[in-house]
């Protein structure tokens, strides 16, 4: 199953909030999610609120989940993609040293 990490919209007109969810890439945007890993409230003042469970995000990225463009930007700002790349590079170095 191809999984994707993307935003799922909620809220009212002019006051959206989004959940960061893991979904099957073939499902519709309002479909059933596999896992919820955080939320994003862009209209919150004075600064937008972004909460992401880093452990779950790294776990899903390790399982091969792709990210949407917006989620990729959020993960970059939170430092999750850098942590994933460091983790992957560390595992590759360990794998090379074990051989």
Protein backbone atom coordinates (compact mmCIF):
# COMPACT_ATOMS: atom_id res chain seq x y z
CA UNK A 1 0.00 0.00 0.00
CA UNK A 2 1.37 3.40 -0.98
CA UNK A 3 1.01 5.81 1.92
CA UNK A 4 1.21 9.57 1.94
CA UNK A 5 1.44 12.09 4.77
CA UNK A 6 -0.82 15.03 4.02
CA UNK A 7 -3.16 17.60 5.54
CA UNK A 8 -6.85 16.95 6.17
CA UNK A 9 -8.94 20.11 6.48
CA UNK A 10 -11.43 20.84 9.19
CA UNK A 11 -13.02 23.93 10.70
CA UNK A 12 -15.39 26.54 9.38
CA UNK A 13 -15.28 29.04 6.55
CA UNK A 14 -12.32 31.41 7.00
CA UNK A 15 -11.12 29.55 10.14
CA UNK A 16 -9.50 26.33 8.92
CA UNK A 17 -7.43 23.89 10.86
CA UNK A 18 -5.66 20.88 9.47
CA UNK A 19 -4.74 17.48 10.81
CA UNK A 20 -1.47 15.93 9.65
CA UNK A 21 -2.56 12.43 8.69
CA UNK A 22 -1.19 9.30 7.07
CA UNK A 23 -3.49 7.99 4.34
CA UNK A 24 -3.50 5.55 1.48
CA UNK A 25 -2.50 7.60 -1.57
CA UNK A 26 -5.44 6.25 -3.56
CA UNK A 27 -8.16 7.43 -1.15
CA UNK A 28 -10.05 10.68 -1.49
CA UNK A 29 -8.95 13.64 0.61
CA UNK A 30 -11.91 13.34 2.99
CA UNK A 31 -11.43 9.57 3.30
CA UNK A 32 -10.37 7.42 6.22
CA UNK A 33 -6.92 8.10 7.61
CA UNK A 34 -4.56 5.40 8.84
CA UNK A 35 -2.95 7.51 11.57
CA UNK A 36 -3.09 11.10 12.84
CA UNK A 37 0.34 12.46 13.70
CA UNK A 38 -0.32 16.12 14.41
CA UNK A 39 -2.23 19.29 13.62
CA UNK A 40 -1.69 22.70 12.03
CA UNK A 41 -3.70 25.84 12.82
CA UNK A 42 -2.65 28.55 10.33
CA UNK A 43 -5.15 31.19 11.52
CA UNK A 44 -4.07 31.11 15.18
CA UNK A 45 -2.74 34.47 16.33
CA UNK A 46 -0.11 35.80 16.94
CA UNK A 47 1.69 32.84 15.32
CA UNK A 48 0.37 29.71 13.60
CA UNK A 49 0.38 26.56 15.73
CA UNK A 50 2.05 23.39 14.45
CA UNK A 51 2.19 20.26 16.60
CA UNK A 52 3.65 17.04 15.17
CA UNK A 53 4.50 13.79 16.94
CA UNK A 54 8.11 13.45 15.78
CA UNK A 55 8.43 9.77 16.66
CA UNK A 56 5.36 8.82 14.62
CA UNK A 57 6.48 11.00 11.71
CA UNK A 58 9.94 9.40 11.64
CA UNK A 59 8.37 5.95 11.90
CA UNK A 60 6.09 6.57 8.90
CA UNK A 61 8.89 8.12 6.87
CA UNK A 62 10.99 5.05 7.65
CA UNK A 63 8.16 2.86 6.36
CA UNK A 64 8.29 4.70 3.02
CA UNK A 65 5.46 7.21 3.35
CA UNK A 66 5.72 10.16 0.96
CA UNK A 67 4.90 13.72 2.02
CA UNK A 68 2.79 16.34 0.29
CA UNK A 69 4.48 19.64 -0.56
CA UNK A 70 2.94 21.50 2.39
CA UNK A 71 3.77 18.75 4.87
CA UNK A 72 7.32 18.63 3.52
CA UNK A 73 7.64 22.37 4.26
CA UNK A 74 6.23 21.89 7.78
CA UNK A 75 8.57 18.97 8.46
CA UNK A 76 11.54 21.00 7.21
CA UNK A 77 10.71 23.91 9.53
CA UNK A 78 10.25 21.54 12.49
CA UNK A 79 13.53 19.73 11.72
CA UNK A 80 11.89 16.35 11.15
CA UNK A 81 13.31 15.80 7.65
CA UNK A 82 16.83 16.63 8.85
CA UNK A 83 16.42 14.13 11.70
CA UNK A 84 15.17 11.50 9.25
CA UNK A 85 18.13 12.07 6.90
CA UNK A 86 20.58 11.87 9.83
CA UNK A 87 18.92 8.67 11.04
CA UNK A 88 19.05 7.16 7.54
CA UNK A 89 22.70 8.18 7.11
CA UNK A 90 23.54 6.66 10.51
CA UNK A 91 21.90 3.38 9.60
CA UNK A 92 23.73 3.33 6.26
CA UNK A 93 27.05 3.93 8.03
CA UNK A 94 26.31 1.11 10.49
CA UNK A 95 25.32 -1.19 7.62
CA UNK A 96 28.56 -0.41 5.78
CA UNK A 97 30.65 -0.96 8.92
CA UNK A 98 28.95 -4.29 9.63
CA UNK A 99 29.95 -5.72 6.26
